[in-house]
PDB file of N, CA and C in Angstrom:
ATOM      1  N   MET A   1     -36.493 -36.294  41.502  1.00  0.00           N
ATOM      2  CA  MET A   1     -37.638 -36.884  40.811  1.00  0.00           C
ATOM      3  C   MET A   1     -37.580 -36.495  39.338  1.00  0.00           C
ATOM      4  N   SER A   2     -37.871 -37.480  38.504  1.00  0.00           N
ATOM      5  CA  SER A   2     -37.883 -37.185  37.078  1.00  0.00           C
ATOM      6  C   SER A   2     -39.200 -36.511  36.705  1.00  0.00           C
ATOM      7  N   LYS A   3     -39.139 -35.725  35.643  1.00  0.00           N
ATOM      8  CA  LYS A   3     -40.335 -35.001  35.193  1.00  0.00           C
ATOM      9  C   LYS A   3     -41.006 -35.795  34.080  1.00  0.00           C
ATOM     10  N   VAL A   4     -41.609 -36.934  34.460  1.00  0.00           N
ATOM     11  CA  VAL A   4     -42.265 -37.826  33.504  1.00  0.00           C
ATOM     12  C   VAL A   4     -43.659 -38.118  34.012  1.00  0.00           C
ATOM     13  N   CYS A   5     -44.643 -38.022  33.115  1.00  0.00           N
ATOM     14  CA  CYS A   5     -46.025 -38.354  33.460  1.00  0.00           C
ATOM     15  C   CYS A   5     -46.143 -39.865  33.603  1.00  0.00           C
ATOM     16  N   GLN A   6     -46.789 -40.329  34.675  1.00  0.00           N
ATOM     17  CA  GLN A   6     -46.912 -41.758  34.925  1.00  0.00           C
ATOM     18  C   GLN A   6     -47.928 -42.429  34.003  1.00  0.00           C
ATOM     19  N   VAL A   7     -48.849 -41.676  33.439  1.00  0.00           N
ATOM     20  CA  VAL A   7     -49.880 -42.259  32.578  1.00  0.00           C
ATOM     21  C   VAL A   7     -49.478 -42.171  31.104  1.00  0.00           C
ATOM     22  N   THR A   8     -49.155 -40.978  30.635  1.00  0.00           N
ATOM     23  CA  THR A   8     -48.884 -40.789  29.211  1.00  0.00           C
ATOM     24  C   THR A   8     -47.414 -40.931  28.852  1.00  0.00           C
ATOM     25  N   GLY A   9     -46.521 -40.823  29.834  1.00  0.00           N
ATOM     26  CA  GLY A   9     -45.092 -40.924  29.556  1.00  0.00           C
ATOM     27  C   GLY A   9     -44.482 -39.658  28.984  1.00  0.00           C
ATOM     28  N   ARG A  10     -45.189 -38.542  29.073  1.00  0.00           N
ATOM     29  CA  ARG A  10     -44.647 -37.284  28.560  1.00  0.00           C
ATOM     30  C   ARG A  10     -43.460 -36.858  29.401  1.00  0.00           C
ATOM     31  N   LYS A  11     -42.429 -36.336  28.732  1.00  0.00           N
ATOM     32  CA  LYS A  11     -41.219 -35.906  29.422  1.00  0.00           C
ATOM     33  C   LYS A  11     -40.660 -34.672  28.731  1.00  0.00           C
ATOM     34  N   PRO A  12     -39.657 -34.021  29.325  1.00  0.00           N
ATOM     35  CA  PRO A  12     -39.111 -32.814  28.709  1.00  0.00           C
ATOM     36  C   PRO A  12     -38.527 -33.113  27.329  1.00  0.00           C
ATOM     37  N   CYS A  13     -38.669 -32.145  26.408  1.00  0.00           N
ATOM     38  CA  CYS A  13     -38.073 -32.297  25.079  1.00  0.00           C
ATOM     39  C   CYS A  13     -37.180 -31.084  24.804  1.00  0.00           C
ATOM     40  N   LYS A  14     -36.230 -31.294  23.889  1.00  0.00           N
ATOM     41  CA  LYS A  14     -35.268 -30.245  23.578  1.00  0.00           C
ATOM     42  C   LYS A  14     -35.761 -29.391  22.415  1.00  0.00           C
ATOM     43  N   GLY A  15     -35.264 -28.177  22.358  1.00  0.00           N
ATOM     44  CA  GLY A  15     -35.619 -27.287  21.263  1.00  0.00           C
ATOM     45  C   GLY A  15     -34.735 -26.056  21.291  1.00  0.00           C
ATOM     46  N   ARG A  16     -35.137 -25.068  20.530  1.00  0.00           N
ATOM     47  CA  ARG A  16     -34.391 -23.825  20.475  1.00  0.00           C
ATOM     48  C   ARG A  16     -35.336 -22.646  20.537  1.00  0.00           C
ATOM     49  N   THR A  17     -34.856 -21.541  21.086  1.00  0.00           N
ATOM     50  CA  THR A  17     -35.557 -20.272  20.980  1.00  0.00           C
ATOM     51  C   THR A  17     -34.728 -19.390  20.070  1.00  0.00           C
ATOM     52  N   TYR A  18     -35.384 -18.627  19.235  1.00  0.00           N
ATOM     53  CA  TYR A  18     -34.704 -17.810  18.243  1.00  0.00           C
ATOM     54  C   TYR A  18     -34.866 -16.333  18.579  1.00  0.00           C
ATOM     55  N   ALA A  19     -33.767 -15.582  18.467  1.00  0.00           N
ATOM     56  CA  ALA A  19     -33.808 -14.128  18.589  1.00  0.00           C
ATOM     57  C   ALA A  19     -33.945 -13.578  17.171  1.00  0.00           C
ATOM     58  N   ILE A  20     -34.999 -12.802  16.931  1.00  0.00           N
ATOM     59  CA  ILE A  20     -35.310 -12.320  15.582  1.00  0.00           C
ATOM     60  C   ILE A  20     -35.239 -10.798  15.548  1.00  0.00           C
ATOM     61  N   ARG A  21     -34.649 -10.266  14.482  1.00  0.00           N
ATOM     62  CA  ARG A  21     -34.538  -8.824  14.303  1.00  0.00           C
ATOM     63  C   ARG A  21     -34.993  -8.439  12.921  1.00  0.00           C
ATOM     64  N   GLY A  22     -35.448  -7.225  12.765  1.00  0.00           N
ATOM     65  CA  GLY A  22     -35.808  -6.712  11.457  1.00  0.00           C
ATOM     66  C   GLY A  22     -37.286  -6.387  11.364  1.00  0.00           C
ATOM     67  N   ILE A  23     -37.681  -5.910  10.207  1.00  0.00           N
ATOM     68  CA  ILE A  23     -39.075  -5.557   9.942  1.00  0.00           C
ATOM     69  C   ILE A  23     -39.578  -6.484   8.840  1.00  0.00           C
ATOM     70  N   ALA A  24     -40.758  -7.050   9.040  1.00  0.00           N
ATOM     71  CA  ALA A  24     -41.313  -8.018   8.095  1.00  0.00           C
ATOM     72  C   ALA A  24     -41.529  -7.382   6.726  1.00  0.00           C
ATOM     73  N   LYS A  25     -41.440  -8.231   5.697  1.00  0.00           N
ATOM     74  CA  LYS A  25     -41.649  -7.734   4.328  1.00  0.00           C
ATOM     75  C   LYS A  25     -43.068  -7.219   4.130  1.00  0.00           C
ATOM     76  N   LYS A  26     -44.044  -7.809   4.860  1.00  0.00           N
ATOM     77  CA  LYS A  26     -45.434  -7.325   4.798  1.00  0.00           C
ATOM     78  C   LYS A  26     -45.537  -5.868   5.217  1.00  0.00           C
ATOM     79  N   LYS A  27     -44.649  -5.487   6.149  1.00  0.00           N
ATOM     80  CA  LYS A  27     -44.670  -4.117   6.662  1.00  0.00           C
ATOM     81  C   LYS A  27     -43.640  -3.239   5.958  1.00  0.00           C
ATOM     82  N   LYS A  28     -43.301  -3.615   4.715  1.00  0.00           N
ATOM     83  CA  LYS A  28     -42.393  -2.843   3.854  1.00  0.00           C
ATOM     84  C   LYS A  28     -40.953  -2.827   4.354  1.00  0.00           C
ATOM     85  N   GLY A  29     -40.569  -3.858   5.114  1.00  0.00           N
ATOM     86  CA  GLY A  29     -39.188  -3.967   5.565  1.00  0.00           C
ATOM     87  C   GLY A  29     -38.393  -4.870   4.637  1.00  0.00           C
ATOM     88  N   ILE A  30     -37.178  -5.189   5.045  1.00  0.00           N
ATOM     89  CA  ILE A  30     -36.339  -6.053   4.208  1.00  0.00           C
ATOM     90  C   ILE A  30     -36.384  -7.507   4.669  1.00  0.00           C
ATOM     91  N   GLY A  31     -37.170  -7.824   5.689  1.00  0.00           N
ATOM     92  CA  GLY A  31     -37.332  -9.209   6.143  1.00  0.00           C
ATOM     93  C   GLY A  31     -36.791  -9.417   7.530  1.00  0.00           C
ATOM     94  N   LEU A  32     -37.188 -10.522   8.111  1.00  0.00           N
ATOM     95  CA  LEU A  32     -36.755 -10.867   9.462  1.00  0.00           C
ATOM     96  C   LEU A  32     -35.513 -11.741   9.394  1.00  0.00           C
ATOM     97  N   ASN A  33     -34.575 -11.503  10.272  1.00  0.00           N
ATOM     98  CA  ASN A  33     -33.348 -12.297  10.333  1.00  0.00           C
ATOM     99  C   ASN A  33     -33.200 -12.905  11.715  1.00  0.00           C
ATOM    100  N   ILE A  34     -32.729 -14.142  11.753  1.00  0.00           N
ATOM    101  CA  ILE A  34     -32.431 -14.804  13.021  1.00  0.00           C
ATOM    102  C   ILE A  34     -31.022 -14.378  13.417  1.00  0.00           C
ATOM    103  N   THR A  35     -30.914 -13.747  14.585  1.00  0.00           N
ATOM    104  CA  THR A  35     -29.614 -13.239  15.023  1.00  0.00           C
ATOM    105  C   THR A  35     -28.998 -14.095  16.120  1.00  0.00           C
ATOM    106  N   GLY A  36     -29.730 -15.038  16.635  1.00  0.00           N
ATOM    107  CA  GLY A  36     -29.171 -15.905  17.670  1.00  0.00           C
ATOM    108  C   GLY A  36     -30.080 -17.074  17.948  1.00  0.00           C
ATOM    109  N   LYS A  37     -29.465 -18.208  18.324  1.00  0.00           N
ATOM    110  CA  LYS A  37     -30.222 -19.394  18.688  1.00  0.00           C
ATOM    111  C   LYS A  37     -29.767 -19.838  20.071  1.00  0.00           C
ATOM    112  N   THR A  38     -30.716 -20.127  20.957  1.00  0.00           N
ATOM    113  CA  THR A  38     -30.411 -20.569  22.300  1.00  0.00           C
ATOM    114  C   THR A  38     -31.103 -21.901  22.546  1.00  0.00           C
ATOM    115  N   LYS A  39     -30.354 -22.859  23.060  1.00  0.00           N
ATOM    116  CA  LYS A  39     -30.953 -24.153  23.374  1.00  0.00           C
ATOM    117  C   LYS A  39     -31.854 -24.000  24.593  1.00  0.00           C
ATOM    118  N   CYS A  40     -32.961 -24.741  24.610  1.00  0.00           N
ATOM    119  CA  CYS A  40     -33.845 -24.701  25.768  1.00  0.00           C
ATOM    120  C   CYS A  40     -34.538 -26.048  25.923  1.00  0.00           C
ATOM    121  N   ARG A  41     -35.165 -26.238  27.048  1.00  0.00           N
ATOM    122  CA  ARG A  41     -35.907 -27.456  27.355  1.00  0.00           C
ATOM    123  C   ARG A  41     -37.354 -27.091  27.577  1.00  0.00           C
ATOM    124  N   PHE A  42     -38.254 -27.797  26.903  1.00  0.00           N
ATOM    125  CA  PHE A  42     -39.681 -27.567  27.081  1.00  0.00           C
ATOM    126  C   PHE A  42     -40.204 -28.600  28.075  1.00  0.00           C
ATOM    127  N   GLN A  43     -40.731 -28.109  29.204  1.00  0.00           N
ATOM    128  CA  GLN A  43     -41.176 -28.992  30.286  1.00  0.00           C
ATOM    129  C   GLN A  43     -42.644 -29.381  30.115  1.00  0.00           C
ATOM    130  N   PRO A  44     -43.016 -30.615  30.470  1.00  0.00           N
ATOM    131  CA  PRO A  44     -44.428 -30.992  30.428  1.00  0.00           C
ATOM    132  C   PRO A  44     -45.185 -30.339  31.585  1.00  0.00           C
ATOM    133  N   ASN A  45     -46.477 -30.196  31.419  1.00  0.00           N
ATOM    134  CA  ASN A  45     -47.323 -29.567  32.435  1.00  0.00           C
ATOM    135  C   ASN A  45     -47.721 -30.648  33.451  1.00  0.00           C
ATOM    136  N   LEU A  46     -46.885 -30.845  34.485  1.00  0.00           N
ATOM    137  CA  LEU A  46     -47.104 -31.920  35.457  1.00  0.00           C
ATOM    138  C   LEU A  46     -47.665 -31.395  36.766  1.00  0.00           C
ATOM    139  N   GLN A  47     -48.576 -32.178  37.349  1.00  0.00           N
ATOM    140  CA  GLN A  47     -49.086 -31.926  38.684  1.00  0.00           C
ATOM    141  C   GLN A  47     -49.089 -33.236  39.456  1.00  0.00           C
ATOM    142  N   THR A  48     -48.806 -33.159  40.746  1.00  0.00           N
ATOM    143  CA  THR A  48     -48.936 -34.332  41.603  1.00  0.00           C
ATOM    144  C   THR A  48     -50.350 -34.323  42.158  1.00  0.00           C
ATOM    145  N   LYS A  49     -51.102 -35.382  41.864  1.00  0.00           N
ATOM    146  CA  LYS A  49     -52.509 -35.462  42.269  1.00  0.00           C
ATOM    147  C   LYS A  49     -52.714 -36.653  43.183  1.00  0.00           C
ATOM    148  N   ARG A  50     -53.565 -36.466  44.161  1.00  0.00           N
ATOM    149  CA  ARG A  50     -53.955 -37.524  45.082  1.00  0.00           C
ATOM    150  C   ARG A  50     -55.397 -37.880  44.736  1.00  0.00           C
ATOM    151  N   LEU A  51     -55.595 -39.076  44.184  1.00  0.00           N
ATOM    152  CA  LEU A  51     -56.907 -39.485  43.679  1.00  0.00           C
ATOM    153  C   LEU A  51     -57.449 -40.644  44.500  1.00  0.00           C
ATOM    154  N   TRP A  52     -58.767 -40.651  44.699  1.00  0.00           N
ATOM    155  CA  TRP A  52     -59.416 -41.729  45.439  1.00  0.00           C
ATOM    156  C   TRP A  52     -59.627 -42.914  44.504  1.00  0.00           C
ATOM    157  N   PHE A  53     -59.036 -44.065  44.867  1.00  0.00           N
ATOM    158  CA  PHE A  53     -59.160 -45.293  44.081  1.00  0.00           C
ATOM    159  C   PHE A  53     -60.187 -46.174  44.779  1.00  0.00           C
ATOM    160  N   ALA A  54     -61.425 -46.125  44.292  1.00  0.00           N
ATOM    161  CA  ALA A  54     -62.557 -46.753  44.978  1.00  0.00           C
ATOM    162  C   ALA A  54     -62.449 -48.275  45.037  1.00  0.00           C
ATOM    163  N   GLU A  55     -61.851 -48.897  44.025  1.00  0.00           N
ATOM    164  CA  GLU A  55     -61.777 -50.363  44.004  1.00  0.00           C
ATOM    165  C   GLU A  55     -60.980 -50.915  45.175  1.00  0.00           C
ATOM    166  N   GLU A  56     -59.917 -50.208  45.576  1.00  0.00           N
ATOM    167  CA  GLU A  56     -59.101 -50.663  46.702  1.00  0.00           C
ATOM    168  C   GLU A  56     -59.382 -49.875  47.974  1.00  0.00           C
ATOM    169  N   GLY A  57     -60.248 -48.863  47.891  1.00  0.00           N
ATOM    170  CA  GLY A  57     -60.621 -48.080  49.067  1.00  0.00           C
ATOM    171  C   GLY A  57     -59.478 -47.278  49.654  1.00  0.00           C
ATOM    172  N   ARG A  58     -58.671 -46.666  48.804  1.00  0.00           N
ATOM    173  CA  ARG A  58     -57.517 -45.893  49.278  1.00  0.00           C
ATOM    174  C   ARG A  58     -57.207 -44.769  48.294  1.00  0.00           C
ATOM    175  N   PHE A  59     -56.382 -43.820  48.745  1.00  0.00           N
ATOM    176  CA  PHE A  59     -55.902 -42.759  47.882  1.00  0.00           C
ATOM    177  C   PHE A  59     -54.625 -43.231  47.188  1.00  0.00           C
ATOM    178  N   ILE A  60     -54.426 -42.788  45.953  1.00  0.00           N
ATOM    179  CA  ILE A  60     -53.163 -43.021  45.264  1.00  0.00           C
ATOM    180  C   ILE A  60     -52.637 -41.673  44.781  1.00  0.00           C
ATOM    181  N   SER A  61     -51.325 -41.485  44.869  1.00  0.00           N
ATOM    182  CA  SER A  61     -50.685 -40.258  44.408  1.00  0.00           C
ATOM    183  C   SER A  61     -50.015 -40.539  43.076  1.00  0.00           C
ATOM    184  N   LEU A  62     -50.324 -39.723  42.088  1.00  0.00           N
ATOM    185  CA  LEU A  62     -49.754 -39.878  40.756  1.00  0.00           C
ATOM    186  C   LEU A  62     -49.208 -38.547  40.277  1.00  0.00           C
ATOM    187  N   LYS A  63     -48.122 -38.605  39.518  1.00  0.00           N
ATOM    188  CA  LYS A  63     -47.584 -37.406  38.869  1.00  0.00           C
ATOM    189  C   LYS A  63     -48.137 -37.418  37.447  1.00  0.00           C
ATOM    190  N   LEU A  64     -49.052 -36.473  37.163  1.00  0.00           N
ATOM    191  CA  LEU A  64     -49.819 -36.498  35.920  1.00  0.00           C
ATOM    192  C   LEU A  64     -49.645 -35.218  35.115  1.00  0.00           C
ATOM    193  N   SER A  65     -49.706 -35.370  33.799  1.00  0.00           N
ATOM    194  CA  SER A  65     -49.769 -34.207  32.926  1.00  0.00           C
ATOM    195  C   SER A  65     -51.231 -33.774  32.812  1.00  0.00           C
ATOM    196  N   ALA A  66     -51.448 -32.587  32.285  1.00  0.00           N
ATOM    197  CA  ALA A  66     -52.817 -32.094  32.112  1.00  0.00           C
ATOM    198  C   ALA A  66     -53.583 -33.004  31.151  1.00  0.00           C
ATOM    199  N   ALA A  67     -52.913 -33.523  30.129  1.00  0.00           N
ATOM    200  CA  ALA A  67     -53.555 -34.428  29.178  1.00  0.00           C
ATOM    201  C   ALA A  67     -53.967 -35.731  29.866  1.00  0.00           C
ATOM    202  N   ALA A  68     -53.165 -36.215  30.817  1.00  0.00           N
ATOM    203  CA  ALA A  68     -53.494 -37.441  31.534  1.00  0.00           C
ATOM    204  C   ALA A  68     -54.727 -37.236  32.423  1.00  0.00           C
ATOM    205  N   LEU A  69     -54.858 -36.044  33.007  1.00  0.00           N
ATOM    206  CA  LEU A  69     -56.048 -35.754  33.812  1.00  0.00           C
ATOM    207  C   LEU A  69     -57.308 -35.818  32.962  1.00  0.00           C
ATOM    208  N   ARG A  70     -57.228 -35.305  31.723  1.00  0.00           N
ATOM    209  CA  ARG A  70     -58.376 -35.391  30.821  1.00  0.00           C
ATOM    210  C   ARG A  70     -58.659 -36.835  30.429  1.00  0.00           C
ATOM    211  N   THR A  71     -57.608 -37.637  30.264  1.00  0.00           N
ATOM    212  CA  THR A  71     -57.776 -39.055  29.938  1.00  0.00           C
ATOM    213  C   THR A  71     -58.479 -39.783  31.075  1.00  0.00           C
ATOM    214  N   ILE A  72     -58.100 -39.486  32.310  1.00  0.00           N
ATOM    215  CA  ILE A  72     -58.728 -40.121  33.475  1.00  0.00           C
ATOM    216  C   ILE A  72     -60.183 -39.703  33.579  1.00  0.00           C
ATOM    217  N   ASP A  73     -60.488 -38.437  33.295  1.00  0.00           N
ATOM    218  CA  ASP A  73     -61.881 -37.990  33.308  1.00  0.00           C
ATOM    219  C   ASP A  73     -62.706 -38.736  32.270  1.00  0.00           C
ATOM    220  N   LYS A  74     -62.109 -38.991  31.116  1.00  0.00           N
ATOM    221  CA  LYS A  74     -62.838 -39.620  30.018  1.00  0.00           C
ATOM    222  C   LYS A  74     -63.019 -41.127  30.225  1.00  0.00           C
ATOM    223  N   ARG A  75     -61.918 -41.829  30.573  1.00  0.00           N
ATOM    224  CA  ARG A  75     -61.962 -43.283  30.632  1.00  0.00           C
ATOM    225  C   ARG A  75     -62.172 -43.847  32.027  1.00  0.00           C
ATOM    226  N   GLY A  76     -61.945 -43.050  33.051  1.00  0.00           N
ATOM    227  CA  GLY A  76     -62.112 -43.497  34.420  1.00  0.00           C
ATOM    228  C   GLY A  76     -60.788 -43.935  35.027  1.00  0.00           C
ATOM    229  N   LEU A  77     -60.650 -43.683  36.318  1.00  0.00           N
ATOM    230  CA  LEU A  77     -59.405 -43.993  37.018  1.00  0.00           C
ATOM    231  C   LEU A  77     -59.140 -45.493  37.057  1.00  0.00           C
ATOM    232  N   ALA A  78     -60.174 -46.293  37.255  1.00  0.00           N
ATOM    233  CA  ALA A  78     -59.996 -47.749  37.375  1.00  0.00           C
ATOM    234  C   ALA A  78     -59.398 -48.338  36.097  1.00  0.00           C
ATOM    235  N   ASN A  79     -59.891 -47.921  34.935  1.00  0.00           N
ATOM    236  CA  ASN A  79     -59.367 -48.434  33.666  1.00  0.00           C
ATOM    237  C   ASN A  79     -57.916 -48.030  33.458  1.00  0.00           C
ATOM    238  N   VAL A  80     -57.594 -46.786  33.767  1.00  0.00           N
ATOM    239  CA  VAL A  80     -56.233 -46.287  33.577  1.00  0.00           C
ATOM    240  C   VAL A  80     -55.269 -47.026  34.496  1.00  0.00           C
ATOM    241  N   VAL A  81     -55.652 -47.217  35.759  1.00  0.00           N
ATOM    242  CA  VAL A  81     -54.783 -47.910  36.719  1.00  0.00           C
ATOM    243  C   VAL A  81     -54.606 -49.362  36.307  1.00  0.00           C
ATOM    244  N   ARG A  82     -55.659 -50.001  35.824  1.00  0.00           N
ATOM    245  CA  ARG A  82     -55.574 -51.398  35.383  1.00  0.00           C
ATOM    246  C   ARG A  82     -54.574 -51.539  34.233  1.00  0.00           C
ATOM    247  N   GLU A  83     -54.612 -50.609  33.279  1.00  0.00           N
ATOM    248  CA  GLU A  83     -53.669 -50.644  32.159  1.00  0.00           C
ATOM    249  C   GLU A  83     -52.231 -50.401  32.626  1.00  0.00           C
ATOM    250  N   MET A  84     -52.059 -49.480  33.587  1.00  0.00           N
ATOM    251  CA  MET A  84     -50.721 -49.214  34.109  1.00  0.00           C
ATOM    252  C   MET A  84     -50.158 -50.451  34.817  1.00  0.00           C
ATOM    253  N   GLN A  85     -51.006 -51.140  35.579  1.00  0.00           N
ATOM    254  CA  GLN A  85     -50.551 -52.345  36.277  1.00  0.00           C
ATOM    255  C   GLN A  85     -50.227 -53.472  35.281  1.00  0.00           C
ATOM    256  N   ALA A  86     -50.954 -53.539  34.173  1.00  0.00           N
ATOM    257  CA  ALA A  86     -50.680 -54.544  33.148  1.00  0.00           C
ATOM    258  C   ALA A  86     -49.321 -54.296  32.490  1.00  0.00           C
ATOM    259  N   GLN A  87     -48.907 -53.029  32.423  1.00  0.00           N
ATOM    260  CA  GLN A  87     -47.615 -52.686  31.840  1.00  0.00           C
ATOM    261  C   GLN A  87     -46.478 -52.874  32.833  1.00  0.00           C
ATOM    262  N   GLY A  88     -46.803 -53.199  34.092  1.00  0.00           N
ATOM    263  CA  GLY A  88     -45.785 -53.466  35.092  1.00  0.00           C
ATOM    264  C   GLY A  88     -45.476 -52.326  36.035  1.00  0.00           C
ATOM    265  N   HIS A  89     -46.273 -51.242  36.006  1.00  0.00           N
ATOM    266  CA  HIS A  89     -46.073 -50.121  36.935  1.00  0.00           C
ATOM    267  C   HIS A  89     -46.618 -50.495  38.303  1.00  0.00           C
ATOM    268  N   ARG A  90     -45.887 -50.076  39.356  1.00  0.00           N
ATOM    269  CA  ARG A  90     -46.328 -50.306  40.721  1.00  0.00           C
ATOM    270  C   ARG A  90     -47.015 -49.036  41.215  1.00  0.00           C
ATOM    271  N   ILE A  91     -48.241 -49.151  41.711  1.00  0.00           N
ATOM    272  CA  ILE A  91     -48.995 -47.979  42.152  1.00  0.00           C
ATOM    273  C   ILE A  91     -49.327 -48.122  43.628  1.00  0.00           C
TER     274      ILE A  91
END
């Protein structure tokens, strides 16, 4: 299964983590130096939720990010599902 939110389309993004050494100039040191860079992947905060879809009288399972859950709370499940179906998603 891909790690993509069905509502917002959020997916993993690439980045780097930095290993830093030294004492900051604020603390009377000579400064911080980056001593290594490691590639990493930042994952979206996804949950699989089973929501009651009152218009069709059934439960639907969606893979949602935390931001999508807030969107559904704000705009309502019916509006979000209607927009997804207009874009061609099968629910």
